[in-house]
Amino acid sequence: MDKPIYLDHNATTPLDKRVLEKMIPYFSEVYGNASSTDHLHGHHAKQAVQKAREDIAKVLGCRKSNEIIFTSGATESNNLALIGTFRKYKDKGNHIISSAIEHPCVLDTLEYLKSEGAEVTLLSVDEYGFVSIDDLKNAIRDDTILISIMFANNEIGTIEPIEEIGKIAKANNILFHTDAAQAVGHIKVNVYEMNVDMLSFSAHKFYGPKGVGGLFVRTYSPFIKLNPISFGGGHERGMRSGTLNVPGIVGMAEALKIASKEMDKENKKDNKLTKNILTKLKQMFPDIQLNGDQKQRLPHNLNITIPGVENKALIHILKDKLSFSTGSACTTTEVKPSHVITALGYDEQRAYSSIRFGLGRFTTEEEITKTIEVVSKAVIKLRNL
């Protein structure tokens, strides 16, 4: 039996073999602790980490390489940004603005911060998933210390007006954080041009290894210092203690360099393939609806509603042929409607009938043709039950 076609790249991507080759020596040959710089083993590991830090900083438009803080992934980065900012700056205010369609690791962290005295405003979004700039301006208070709006949504692919949000934050002397886990490595990101103060990313979203990520923390206009949320050693500018994952960091930098070089070519291909899926399926089932914006979206993301078809049933019937999802990979253990789809103003029925295809670097036209075929047959079967 052929293995299922993989169309869940928004959840995670396969490790690019070029990245693996770059990582291998740092498991068994250059194995020193990057913090043990009294000897050559540690010095060589530190050199590799520093080179990776510089490479990542360059791609993201940082001013200095030490603006990149290495973490275990975007979840930890988001926790550090939100909790670290609140604890450091709560003497200036306790109000945080975010959105209703953030990733669960942001929403859950904000919920936790309420126990420490935070007041949180979650902005609603329109039917395409966009935050209203006017709503953002109106939500700002004298005690607002942080705005955290995701760069691109993990379920529907909508890309928010990050630069404009950053300008508003700057004009009001409010720190601006963005969860860019879905954006980094897929679309152009420049933290200084976009007025971003903190930015979270994760290697496994752009063909790097799992278990490693980073947080950009600005050092210029303003200089930002976060309270740590883990203790013991004061690594990473005193913001994140722990032995660095040298192979993972080396792999993440290589993955980001490759993604940056191949981005335009991949986006062109993905745009063509996602449009093909939508066009062909709508020809057979005219009532299929697109979720998210038609233009300002991640090229490799396609989220659609198929009326009359329960998404879990569709996934079950196709599990041997196709791997895709109903939404966030971090909430699949809960049988709940997608908070993103309902935040767009739709009812739970639409949420339960929505699916997400996440295309990737190695997705072929032949696989998309096969996908259209098996999904069509499954929809006909489920609608006739």
Protein backbone atom coordinates (compact mmCIF):
# COMPACT_ATOMS: atom_id res chain seq x y z
CA MET A 1 0.00 0.00 0.00
CA ASP A 2 1.28 3.47 -0.89
CA LYS A 3 1.92 5.76 2.05
CA PRO A 4 -0.57 8.61 2.54
CA ILE A 5 0.04 11.93 0.79
CA TYR A 6 1.22 14.43 3.41
CA LEU A 7 -0.69 17.72 3.38
CA ASP A 8 -0.29 18.89 6.98
CA HIS A 9 2.77 21.12 6.64
CA ASN A 10 1.23 23.85 8.81
CA ALA A 11 1.43 21.39 11.71
CA THR A 12 5.00 20.33 10.96
CA THR A 13 7.37 19.86 8.05
CA PRO A 14 9.73 16.98 7.24
CA LEU A 15 13.39 17.61 7.94
CA ASP A 16 15.13 18.61 4.72
CA LYS A 17 17.96 16.14 4.02
CA ARG A 18 20.31 19.07 3.39
CA VAL A 19 19.59 20.24 6.92
CA LEU A 20 20.19 16.78 8.37
CA GLU A 21 23.59 16.60 6.67
CA LYS A 22 24.56 19.91 8.26
CA MET A 23 23.44 18.71 11.72
CA ILE A 24 25.06 15.25 11.84
CA PRO A 25 28.61 16.31 12.86
CA TYR A 26 27.22 18.19 15.86
CA PHE A 27 25.78 15.02 17.39
CA SER A 28 28.98 12.96 17.55
CA GLU A 29 32.00 15.02 16.46
CA VAL A 30 31.48 18.61 17.63
CA TYR A 31 29.69 17.57 20.81
CA GLY A 32 30.95 20.11 23.35
CA ASN A 33 28.74 22.26 25.55
CA ALA A 34 28.56 25.71 23.96
CA SER A 35 28.83 27.26 27.44
CA SER A 36 32.04 25.34 28.29
CA THR A 37 34.44 27.66 26.54
CA ASP A 38 37.56 26.88 28.62
CA HIS A 39 38.45 24.11 26.14
CA LEU A 40 38.34 23.56 22.39
CA HIS A 41 35.37 21.19 22.41
CA GLY A 42 33.16 23.85 23.99
CA HIS A 43 34.74 26.62 21.92
CA HIS A 44 33.94 24.85 18.65
CA ALA A 45 30.33 24.31 19.75
CA LYS A 46 30.05 27.98 20.71
CA GLN A 47 31.42 29.01 17.32
CA ALA A 48 28.75 26.92 15.58
CA VAL A 49 26.01 28.48 17.70
CA GLN A 50 27.31 31.98 17.05
CA LYS A 51 27.45 31.39 13.29
CA ALA A 52 23.87 30.09 13.38
CA ARG A 53 22.76 33.09 15.44
CA GLU A 54 24.31 35.46 12.90
CA ASP A 55 22.72 33.65 9.95
CA ILE A 56 19.24 33.70 11.51
CA ALA A 57 19.58 37.35 12.55
CA LYS A 58 20.52 38.30 8.99
CA VAL A 59 17.46 36.59 7.47
CA LEU A 60 15.10 38.23 9.98
CA GLY A 61 16.56 41.72 9.58
CA CYS A 62 18.00 42.05 13.10
CA ARG A 63 20.58 44.70 13.96
CA LYS A 64 22.63 42.40 16.19
CA SER A 65 22.97 38.63 16.35
CA ASN A 66 22.41 38.61 20.13
CA GLU A 67 18.82 39.74 19.49
CA ILE A 68 18.11 36.07 18.76
CA ILE A 69 17.34 34.07 21.92
CA PHE A 70 17.31 30.32 21.36
CA THR A 71 14.43 28.31 22.83
CA SER A 72 12.81 24.89 22.43
CA GLY A 73 10.25 26.25 19.94
CA ALA A 74 7.55 28.84 19.38
CA THR A 75 5.46 27.73 22.36
CA GLU A 76 8.32 28.49 24.75
CA SER A 77 9.15 31.67 22.83
CA ASN A 78 5.56 32.90 23.15
CA ASN A 79 5.52 32.07 26.85
CA LEU A 80 8.79 33.93 27.39
CA ALA A 81 7.64 36.96 25.42
CA LEU A 82 4.29 37.27 27.19
CA ILE A 83 5.18 36.26 30.75
CA GLY A 84 8.64 37.83 30.58
CA THR A 85 7.24 41.15 29.36
CA PHE A 86 4.42 41.26 31.91
CA ARG A 87 6.66 40.51 34.87
CA LYS A 88 9.32 42.98 33.73
CA TYR A 89 7.02 45.90 32.91
CA LYS A 90 3.93 45.42 35.11
CA ASP A 91 4.92 48.45 37.18
CA LYS A 92 4.07 50.51 34.07
CA GLY A 93 0.72 48.80 33.49
CA ASN A 94 -1.06 45.47 33.42
CA HIS A 95 -3.05 45.61 30.16
CA ILE A 96 -2.31 43.34 27.19
CA ILE A 97 -4.02 43.40 23.78
CA SER A 98 -4.18 40.28 21.61
CA SER A 99 -6.64 38.67 19.19
CA ALA A 100 -9.33 36.01 19.36
CA ILE A 101 -7.63 33.82 16.74
CA GLU A 102 -4.22 33.43 18.36
CA HIS A 103 -2.60 30.02 18.73
CA PRO A 104 -3.61 28.17 21.93
CA CYS A 105 -0.13 28.65 23.41
CA VAL A 106 -0.73 32.42 23.34
CA LEU A 107 -4.35 32.32 24.49
CA ASP A 108 -3.58 29.88 27.31
CA THR A 109 -0.60 31.95 28.47
CA LEU A 110 -2.72 35.10 28.50
CA GLU A 111 -5.33 33.25 30.54
CA TYR A 112 -2.61 32.25 32.99
CA LEU A 113 -1.35 35.83 33.25
CA LYS A 114 -4.74 36.92 34.50
CA SER A 115 -3.86 35.04 37.71
CA GLU A 116 -0.86 37.38 38.05
CA GLY A 117 -3.03 40.45 37.62
CA ALA A 118 -3.03 40.97 33.88
CA GLU A 119 -6.04 42.46 32.14
CA VAL A 120 -6.45 41.11 28.62
CA THR A 121 -8.38 42.47 25.65
CA LEU A 122 -8.90 40.01 22.79
CA LEU A 123 -9.72 41.82 19.56
CA SER A 124 -12.35 40.28 17.30
CA VAL A 125 -11.58 39.70 13.62
CA ASP A 126 -13.63 40.12 10.45
CA GLU A 127 -14.92 37.25 8.28
CA TYR A 128 -11.49 36.94 6.62
CA GLY A 129 -9.53 36.82 9.87
CA PHE A 130 -8.16 40.37 9.91
CA VAL A 131 -7.78 42.42 13.07
CA SER A 132 -9.33 45.88 12.72
CA ILE A 133 -6.80 48.69 13.01
CA ASP A 134 -9.51 50.97 14.40
CA ASP A 135 -10.44 48.37 17.03
CA LEU A 136 -6.78 48.12 17.99
CA LYS A 137 -6.46 51.89 18.40
CA ASN A 138 -9.65 52.02 20.45
CA ALA A 139 -8.47 49.21 22.73
CA ILE A 140 -5.27 50.99 23.76
CA ARG A 141 -5.29 52.31 27.32
CA ASP A 142 -2.85 54.29 29.44
CA ASP A 143 -1.85 51.05 31.17
CA THR A 144 -1.37 48.97 27.98
CA ILE A 145 2.15 47.51 28.00
CA LEU A 146 1.99 44.87 25.25
CA ILE A 147 0.28 44.10 21.95
CA SER A 148 0.61 40.51 20.73
CA ILE A 149 -0.88 39.72 17.32
CA MET A 150 0.10 36.66 15.28
CA PHE A 151 1.83 37.22 11.94
CA ALA A 152 -0.08 34.59 9.96
CA ASN A 153 -2.84 32.33 11.20
CA ASN A 154 -2.05 28.64 11.50
CA GLU A 155 -5.54 27.47 10.52
CA ILE A 156 -6.77 29.83 7.79
CA GLY A 157 -3.48 31.34 6.60
CA THR A 158 -4.55 35.00 6.85
CA ILE A 159 -1.57 37.38 7.07
CA GLU A 160 -2.18 40.28 9.45
CA PRO A 161 -1.09 43.92 8.75
CA ILE A 162 1.96 43.52 10.97
CA GLU A 163 3.86 46.63 9.90
CA GLU A 164 0.83 48.85 10.50
CA ILE A 165 0.20 47.29 13.91
CA GLY A 166 3.86 47.85 14.75
CA LYS A 167 3.61 51.53 13.84
CA ILE A 168 0.63 51.97 16.16
CA ALA A 169 2.48 50.23 18.99
CA LYS A 170 5.55 52.44 18.44
CA ALA A 171 3.48 55.63 18.35
CA ASN A 172 2.01 54.71 21.74
CA ASN A 173 5.24 53.41 23.34
CA ILE A 174 3.77 49.93 23.65
CA LEU A 175 5.83 46.77 23.08
CA PHE A 176 4.75 44.66 20.11
CA HIS A 177 5.17 40.88 19.93
CA THR A 178 4.14 38.62 17.07
CA ASP A 179 3.89 34.84 16.92
CA ALA A 180 5.48 34.27 13.52
CA ALA A 181 5.70 30.47 13.66
CA GLN A 182 3.73 30.15 10.42
CA ALA A 183 5.41 33.07 8.65
CA VAL A 184 9.15 32.68 9.18
CA GLY A 185 10.67 30.70 6.32
CA HIS A 186 7.56 31.13 4.17
CA ILE A 187 7.11 34.87 3.63
CA LYS A 188 9.44 37.85 3.97
CA VAL A 189 10.00 38.98 7.53
CA ASN A 190 12.05 42.00 8.59
CA VAL A 191 11.68 42.82 12.26
CA TYR A 192 12.98 46.40 12.15
CA GLU A 193 11.17 47.40 8.96
CA MET A 194 7.96 45.99 10.44
CA ASN A 195 8.35 47.72 13.83
CA VAL A 196 8.39 44.41 15.70
CA ASP A 197 9.87 44.26 19.21
CA MET A 198 9.64 40.50 19.79
CA LEU A 199 9.04 37.69 17.30
CA SER A 200 8.62 33.96 17.92
CA PHE A 201 9.56 31.19 15.48
CA SER A 202 10.03 27.43 15.37
CA ALA A 203 12.42 25.39 13.19
CA HIS A 204 10.08 22.49 12.47
CA LYS A 205 7.71 24.80 10.57
CA PHE A 206 10.33 25.44 7.85
CA TYR A 207 11.97 22.01 7.32
CA GLY A 208 14.24 22.21 10.35
CA PRO A 209 14.34 19.90 13.41
CA LYS A 210 11.67 19.70 16.09
CA GLY A 211 12.42 20.93 19.59
CA VAL A 212 14.26 24.14 18.70
CA GLY A 213 13.13 27.69 17.98
CA GLY A 214 13.86 31.26 18.83
CA LEU A 215 12.65 34.62 20.01
CA PHE A 216 13.82 37.92 18.55
CA VAL A 217 14.15 40.47 21.35
CA ARG A 218 14.96 44.01 20.17
CA THR A 219 18.04 45.77 21.57
CA TYR A 220 17.61 49.16 19.90
CA SER A 221 14.84 51.74 20.26
CA PRO A 222 13.90 50.36 22.71
CA PHE A 223 16.35 48.03 24.41
CA ILE A 224 14.16 45.21 25.75
CA LYS A 225 15.00 42.97 28.66
CA LEU A 226 12.60 40.20 29.69
CA ASN A 227 12.26 38.50 33.04
CA PRO A 228 13.27 34.85 32.62
CA ILE A 229 10.72 32.08 33.10
CA SER A 230 13.39 29.41 33.62
CA PHE A 231 16.36 29.69 35.95
CA GLY A 232 19.86 28.26 36.29
CA GLY A 233 22.89 29.65 34.53
CA GLY A 234 21.66 32.89 33.01
CA HIS A 235 22.28 31.85 29.42
CA GLU A 236 20.90 33.77 26.40
CA ARG A 237 21.38 37.30 27.76
CA GLY A 238 20.02 36.10 31.09
CA MET A 239 16.58 35.42 29.62
CA ARG A 240 16.65 31.67 28.99
CA SER A 241 18.78 29.24 30.99
CA GLY A 242 19.70 25.77 29.80
CA THR A 243 22.28 23.89 27.75
CA LEU A 244 21.89 24.90 24.12
CA ASN A 245 20.74 22.35 21.55
CA VAL A 246 23.74 22.78 19.25
CA PRO A 247 22.69 20.32 16.48
CA GLY A 248 19.17 21.75 16.51
CA ILE A 249 20.39 25.35 16.35
CA VAL A 250 22.77 24.56 13.48
CA GLY A 251 19.93 22.78 11.67
CA MET A 252 17.50 25.65 12.24
CA ALA A 253 19.92 28.17 10.75
CA GLU A 254 20.56 25.99 7.71
CA ALA A 255 16.84 25.39 7.23
CA LEU A 256 16.11 29.12 7.38
CA LYS A 257 18.87 29.95 4.89
CA ILE A 258 17.49 27.38 2.44
CA ALA A 259 13.91 28.58 2.97
CA SER A 260 14.93 32.18 2.37
CA LYS A 261 16.65 31.33 -0.91
CA GLU A 262 13.86 29.09 -2.23
CA MET A 263 10.88 31.06 -0.87
CA ASP A 264 9.78 32.76 -4.09
CA LYS A 265 9.92 29.56 -6.12
CA GLU A 266 8.05 27.55 -3.48
CA ASN A 267 5.36 30.20 -3.02
CA LYS A 268 4.72 30.35 -6.75
CA LYS A 269 4.31 26.58 -6.88
CA ASP A 270 2.13 26.44 -3.76
CA ASN A 271 -0.12 29.25 -5.01
CA LYS A 272 -0.73 27.32 -8.20
CA LEU A 273 -1.45 24.03 -6.41
CA THR A 274 -3.78 25.45 -3.73
CA LYS A 275 -5.77 27.32 -6.41
CA ASN A 276 -6.00 24.09 -8.37
CA ILE A 277 -7.45 22.21 -5.39
CA LEU A 278 -10.01 24.93 -4.69
CA THR A 279 -11.02 25.37 -8.33
CA LYS A 280 -11.43 21.66 -9.05
CA LEU A 281 -13.33 20.91 -5.84
CA LYS A 282 -15.66 23.88 -6.33
CA GLN A 283 -16.41 22.70 -9.87
CA MET A 284 -17.69 19.43 -8.39
CA PHE A 285 -19.14 20.89 -5.19
CA PRO A 286 -20.13 24.55 -5.79
CA ASP A 287 -21.15 25.06 -2.15
CA ILE A 288 -17.56 24.65 -0.89
CA GLN A 289 -16.36 27.86 0.79
CA LEU A 290 -12.89 29.27 1.38
CA ASN A 291 -11.95 30.27 4.93
CA GLY A 292 -9.61 33.22 5.28
CA ASP A 293 -8.67 35.92 2.82
CA GLN A 294 -8.26 35.06 -0.85
CA LYS A 295 -5.13 37.19 -1.36
CA GLN A 296 -3.46 38.05 1.94
CA ARG A 297 -2.80 34.45 2.93
CA LEU A 298 0.01 31.94 3.23
CA PRO A 299 0.50 30.43 -0.26
CA HIS A 300 0.77 26.88 1.08
CA ASN A 301 -2.37 27.03 3.23
CA LEU A 302 -5.89 26.14 2.07
CA ASN A 303 -8.76 25.99 4.55
CA ILE A 304 -12.19 25.12 3.16
CA THR A 305 -15.65 24.30 4.42
CA ILE A 306 -17.46 21.36 2.80
CA PRO A 307 -21.12 21.70 3.85
CA GLY A 308 -22.80 18.48 4.86
CA VAL A 309 -19.51 16.70 5.59
CA GLU A 310 -18.19 16.27 9.13
CA ASN A 311 -14.44 16.92 9.05
CA LYS A 312 -13.45 14.14 11.46
CA ALA A 313 -15.42 11.65 9.36
CA LEU A 314 -13.60 12.84 6.23
CA ILE A 315 -10.22 12.48 7.91
CA HIS A 316 -11.15 8.99 9.13
CA ILE A 317 -12.31 7.75 5.74
CA LEU A 318 -9.13 9.08 4.07
CA LYS A 319 -6.60 8.19 6.78
CA ASP A 320 -4.83 5.60 4.60
CA LYS A 321 -4.66 7.92 1.59
CA LEU A 322 -4.21 11.47 2.83
CA SER A 323 -2.84 13.28 5.90
CA PHE A 324 -4.49 16.65 6.56
CA SER A 325 -6.20 18.30 9.51
CA THR A 326 -9.19 20.11 10.91
CA GLY A 327 -7.16 22.97 12.35
CA SER A 328 -4.50 23.52 15.00
CA ALA A 329 -2.32 20.49 15.73
CA CYS A 330 -2.23 21.57 19.37
CA THR A 331 -5.97 21.12 20.01
CA THR A 332 -6.73 17.92 18.13
CA THR A 333 -7.23 15.92 21.38
CA GLU A 334 -10.28 18.04 22.14
CA VAL A 335 -13.54 17.53 20.26
CA LYS A 336 -14.35 21.21 20.04
CA PRO A 337 -15.13 23.46 17.09
CA SER A 338 -12.22 25.53 15.81
CA HIS A 339 -12.03 28.77 17.79
CA VAL A 340 -10.62 30.40 14.66
CA ILE A 341 -13.55 29.53 12.39
CA THR A 342 -16.12 30.58 15.00
CA ALA A 343 -14.18 33.83 15.57
CA LEU A 344 -14.77 34.66 11.90
CA GLY A 345 -18.47 34.87 12.77
CA TYR A 346 -19.49 31.42 11.56
CA ASP A 347 -21.50 28.83 13.48
CA GLU A 348 -20.18 25.60 14.94
CA GLN A 349 -21.55 23.60 12.01
CA ARG A 350 -19.21 25.41 9.62
CA ALA A 351 -16.32 24.81 12.00
CA TYR A 352 -17.10 21.09 12.14
CA SER A 353 -17.20 21.00 8.32
CA SER A 354 -13.88 22.79 7.75
CA ILE A 355 -10.58 21.17 6.81
CA ARG A 356 -7.03 22.46 6.30
CA PHE A 357 -4.61 21.42 3.58
CA GLY A 358 -1.00 22.44 4.20
CA LEU A 359 1.17 22.00 1.12
CA GLY A 360 4.94 21.74 1.25
CA ARG A 361 8.30 21.87 -0.44
CA PHE A 362 8.08 18.31 -1.71
CA THR A 363 4.38 18.28 -2.67
CA THR A 364 3.95 17.35 -6.35
CA GLU A 365 1.28 18.10 -8.96
CA GLU A 366 0.60 14.37 -9.16
CA GLU A 367 -0.13 14.27 -5.43
CA ILE A 368 -2.54 17.20 -5.75
CA THR A 369 -4.36 15.48 -8.64
CA LYS A 370 -4.67 12.37 -6.46
CA THR A 371 -5.83 14.49 -3.51
CA ILE A 372 -8.64 16.04 -5.53
CA GLU A 373 -9.72 12.60 -6.69
CA VAL A 374 -9.81 10.91 -3.26
CA VAL A 375 -11.41 13.88 -1.49
CA SER A 376 -14.14 14.11 -4.14
CA LYS A 377 -14.99 10.42 -3.83
CA ALA A 378 -15.04 10.64 -0.04
CA VAL A 379 -17.30 13.70 -0.05
CA ILE A 380 -19.78 11.96 -2.40
CA LYS A 381 -19.75 8.90 -0.17
CA LEU A 382 -20.29 10.85 3.07
CA ARG A 383 -23.05 13.01 1.57
CA ASN A 384 -24.91 9.92 0.43
CA LEU A 385 -24.79 8.15 3.79
